[in-house]
Amino acid sequence: MRKHYLKEQHPVLYSELLLSGKLYPHLLEIDEACDGRMELLTCRLAEQEGVTEALKAADQMEWVRRMNSIRNRAEEIVLHELVYC
């Protein structure tokens, strides 16, 4: 996503990174940052909303619904913070 964003929205920066050999290290760095941020946000949001293993044991479908909602929100936050900046 970051590569496509740079290519479409910031073609000069994309070309500079590509020609200098820094594009793929940059993309790897962004990917690792996104993974870490997603994990952190997911855990924090689940904790704030009371989505626990007890809920998972009691009502799996409710747990899945809430976790999907949390993951979707966390993904949107990460995309805006790290990919589309």
Protein backbone atom coordinates (compact mmCIF):
# COMPACT_ATOMS: atom_id res chain seq x y z
CA MET A 1 0.00 0.00 0.00
CA ARG A 2 2.81 2.39 0.88
CA LYS A 3 4.54 1.73 -2.46
CA HIS A 4 1.34 2.39 -4.40
CA TYR A 5 0.65 5.53 -2.35
CA LEU A 6 4.14 6.92 -2.99
CA LYS A 7 3.99 6.04 -6.67
CA GLU A 8 0.61 7.72 -7.17
CA GLN A 9 0.72 10.65 -4.74
CA HIS A 10 4.44 11.43 -4.43
CA PRO A 11 6.09 10.33 -7.67
CA VAL A 12 9.24 12.43 -7.12
CA LEU A 13 9.89 10.92 -3.69
CA TYR A 14 9.11 7.46 -5.09
CA SER A 15 11.64 7.94 -7.89
CA GLU A 16 14.29 9.26 -5.51
CA LEU A 17 13.86 6.30 -3.17
CA LEU A 18 13.83 3.83 -6.05
CA LEU A 19 16.93 5.25 -7.76
CA SER A 20 18.89 5.51 -4.51
CA GLY A 21 18.09 1.91 -3.56
CA LYS A 22 16.26 3.01 -0.43
CA LEU A 23 12.71 2.17 -1.52
CA TYR A 24 12.59 -1.44 -0.35
CA PRO A 25 14.30 -0.80 3.00
CA HIS A 26 11.79 2.05 3.50
CA LEU A 27 8.86 -0.23 2.65
CA LEU A 28 10.16 -2.92 5.02
CA GLU A 29 10.51 -0.36 7.81
CA ILE A 30 6.94 0.87 7.26
CA ASP A 31 5.64 -2.71 7.17
CA GLU A 32 7.32 -3.60 10.46
CA ALA A 33 6.07 -0.40 12.08
CA CYS A 34 2.53 -1.15 10.88
CA ASP A 35 2.64 -4.68 12.29
CA GLY A 36 3.82 -3.47 15.67
CA ARG A 37 1.30 -0.64 15.82
CA MET A 38 -1.55 -2.99 14.82
CA GLU A 39 -0.67 -5.42 17.59
CA LEU A 40 -0.42 -2.66 20.18
CA LEU A 41 -3.67 -0.96 19.13
CA THR A 42 -5.58 -4.22 18.97
CA CYS A 43 -4.51 -5.18 22.48
CA ARG A 44 -5.27 -1.75 23.93
CA LEU A 45 -8.68 -1.45 22.27
CA ALA A 46 -9.66 -4.97 23.34
CA GLU A 47 -8.63 -4.18 26.90
CA GLN A 48 -10.54 -0.88 26.93
CA GLU A 49 -13.69 -2.53 25.60
CA GLY A 50 -13.55 -5.55 27.87
CA VAL A 51 -13.00 -8.10 25.14
CA THR A 52 -11.41 -10.89 27.17
CA GLU A 53 -10.83 -14.62 27.10
CA ALA A 54 -13.81 -14.92 29.45
CA LEU A 55 -16.03 -13.36 26.78
CA LYS A 56 -14.50 -15.68 24.20
CA ALA A 57 -15.38 -18.70 26.35
CA ALA A 58 -18.89 -17.44 27.10
CA ASP A 59 -19.94 -16.13 23.67
CA GLN A 60 -17.57 -16.83 20.80
CA MET A 61 -19.64 -15.08 18.14
CA GLU A 62 -19.81 -11.87 20.18
CA TRP A 63 -16.05 -12.07 20.78
CA VAL A 64 -15.40 -12.50 17.04
CA ARG A 65 -17.73 -9.61 16.19
CA ARG A 66 -16.01 -7.29 18.64
CA MET A 67 -12.49 -8.35 17.63
CA ASN A 68 -13.29 -7.82 13.94
CA SER A 69 -14.55 -4.34 14.77
CA ILE A 70 -11.41 -3.61 16.79
CA ARG A 71 -9.10 -4.87 14.04
CA ASN A 72 -10.90 -2.79 11.42
CA ARG A 73 -10.59 0.37 13.51
CA ALA A 74 -6.94 -0.35 14.32
CA GLU A 75 -6.19 -0.90 10.63
CA GLU A 76 -7.75 2.44 9.69
CA ILE A 77 -5.70 4.21 12.35
CA VAL A 78 -2.47 2.54 11.21
CA LEU A 79 -3.13 3.33 7.56
CA HIS A 80 -3.63 7.01 8.31
CA GLU A 81 -0.71 7.23 10.75
CA LEU A 82 1.94 5.30 8.86
CA VAL A 83 1.01 4.49 5.27
CA TYR A 84 -0.75 7.62 4.04
CA CYS A 85 1.45 10.23 5.68
